[in-house]
Amino acid sequence: MEIVADFNQWGENYGYKTTIAVPFQNENLASMYWLGPSANTAAFGKDWDAWRDAQRDAQRDANSRPANFQARISECGDSITRHGYDIY
């Protein structure tokens, strides 16, 4: 997906990489899941701070890369839930 490649290019500077999971066996086959694994909680916090700060800055510059990402993400659908998991 183009948006994933573009986001991952931006995220390289922050150690952030995302993937999209599309269910093929699930009661909800219409949803896709944006997954962004982090090395640990501290790394997630740093990544989240970078994204949040970029969105704050995007409010001042509607043509910034993060503002464009958020607009594209918003066009893709609704964020109906957020989950966190530890993976062993």
Protein backbone atom coordinates (compact mmCIF):
# COMPACT_ATOMS: atom_id res chain seq x y z
CA MET A 1 0.00 0.00 0.00
CA GLU A 2 1.37 3.37 -0.99
CA ILE A 3 0.37 5.07 2.25
CA VAL A 4 2.25 2.46 4.30
CA ALA A 5 5.42 2.90 2.24
CA ASP A 6 5.17 6.69 2.54
CA PHE A 7 4.52 6.55 6.28
CA ASN A 8 7.40 4.13 6.84
CA GLN A 9 9.73 6.46 4.96
CA TRP A 10 8.74 9.27 7.35
CA GLY A 11 8.93 6.92 10.34
CA GLU A 12 12.49 5.81 9.59
CA ASN A 13 13.77 8.93 11.33
CA TYR A 14 11.91 7.88 14.48
CA GLY A 15 12.53 4.13 14.42
CA TYR A 16 8.88 3.57 13.56
CA LYS A 17 7.62 1.06 11.01
CA THR A 18 4.05 0.03 10.34
CA THR A 19 2.29 -2.80 8.56
CA ILE A 20 -1.33 -3.37 7.62
CA ALA A 21 -3.10 -6.56 8.68
CA VAL A 22 -6.11 -7.65 6.64
CA PRO A 23 -8.18 -10.44 8.19
CA PHE A 24 -9.15 -13.44 6.12
CA GLN A 25 -10.83 -15.31 8.98
CA ASN A 26 -12.71 -13.02 11.34
CA GLU A 27 -16.25 -11.97 12.16
CA ASN A 28 -15.30 -8.56 10.73
CA LEU A 29 -13.73 -8.92 7.30
CA ALA A 30 -14.21 -5.25 6.42
CA SER A 31 -11.66 -3.82 8.84
CA MET A 32 -7.94 -3.45 8.29
CA TYR A 33 -5.52 -3.04 11.16
CA TRP A 34 -2.62 -0.58 11.27
CA LEU A 35 0.13 -2.30 13.28
CA GLY A 36 3.17 -0.48 14.58
CA PRO A 37 5.35 -2.71 16.72
CA SER A 38 7.85 -1.09 19.07
CA ALA A 39 10.89 -2.53 20.79
CA ASN A 40 9.46 -1.65 24.21
CA THR A 41 7.15 0.78 25.99
CA ALA A 42 9.77 3.52 26.11
CA ALA A 43 10.33 3.25 22.36
CA PHE A 44 6.58 3.36 21.75
CA GLY A 45 6.31 6.50 23.88
CA LYS A 46 9.09 8.16 21.91
CA ASP A 47 7.46 7.17 18.59
CA TRP A 48 4.04 8.35 19.76
CA ASP A 49 5.50 11.67 20.95
CA ALA A 50 7.11 12.19 17.53
CA TRP A 51 3.79 11.53 15.74
CA ARG A 52 1.79 13.69 18.15
CA ASP A 53 4.32 16.53 17.89
CA ALA A 54 4.25 16.25 14.10
CA GLN A 55 0.45 16.54 14.16
CA ARG A 56 0.65 19.59 16.43
CA ASP A 57 3.11 21.19 14.02
CA ALA A 58 0.88 20.18 11.09
CA GLN A 59 -1.88 22.37 12.49
CA ARG A 60 0.37 25.34 11.72
CA ASP A 61 1.36 23.99 8.29
CA ALA A 62 -1.47 22.19 6.50
CA ASN A 63 0.92 21.23 3.68
CA SER A 64 3.43 19.46 5.93
CA ARG A 65 4.13 15.79 5.36
CA PRO A 66 2.51 14.70 8.67
CA ALA A 67 -0.61 16.78 7.90
CA ASN A 68 -0.87 15.11 4.50
CA PHE A 69 -0.46 11.66 6.10
CA GLN A 70 -3.21 12.35 8.61
CA ALA A 71 -5.54 13.57 5.86
CA ARG A 72 -4.85 10.42 3.84
CA ILE A 73 -5.33 8.19 6.89
CA SER A 74 -8.62 9.93 7.70
CA GLU A 75 -9.84 9.35 4.15
CA CYS A 76 -9.22 5.60 4.51
CA GLY A 77 -11.88 5.11 7.16
CA ASP A 78 -12.71 5.55 10.80
CA SER A 79 -10.53 4.73 13.75
CA ILE A 80 -13.00 2.84 15.90
CA THR A 81 -10.69 1.31 18.47
CA ARG A 82 -7.10 1.25 19.68
CA HIS A 83 -5.39 -1.73 21.33
CA GLY A 84 -1.98 -2.49 22.75
CA TYR A 85 -0.40 -5.92 23.14
CA ASP A 86 2.79 -7.44 24.49
CA ILE A 87 4.15 -10.03 22.07
CA TYR A 88 6.41 -12.79 23.34
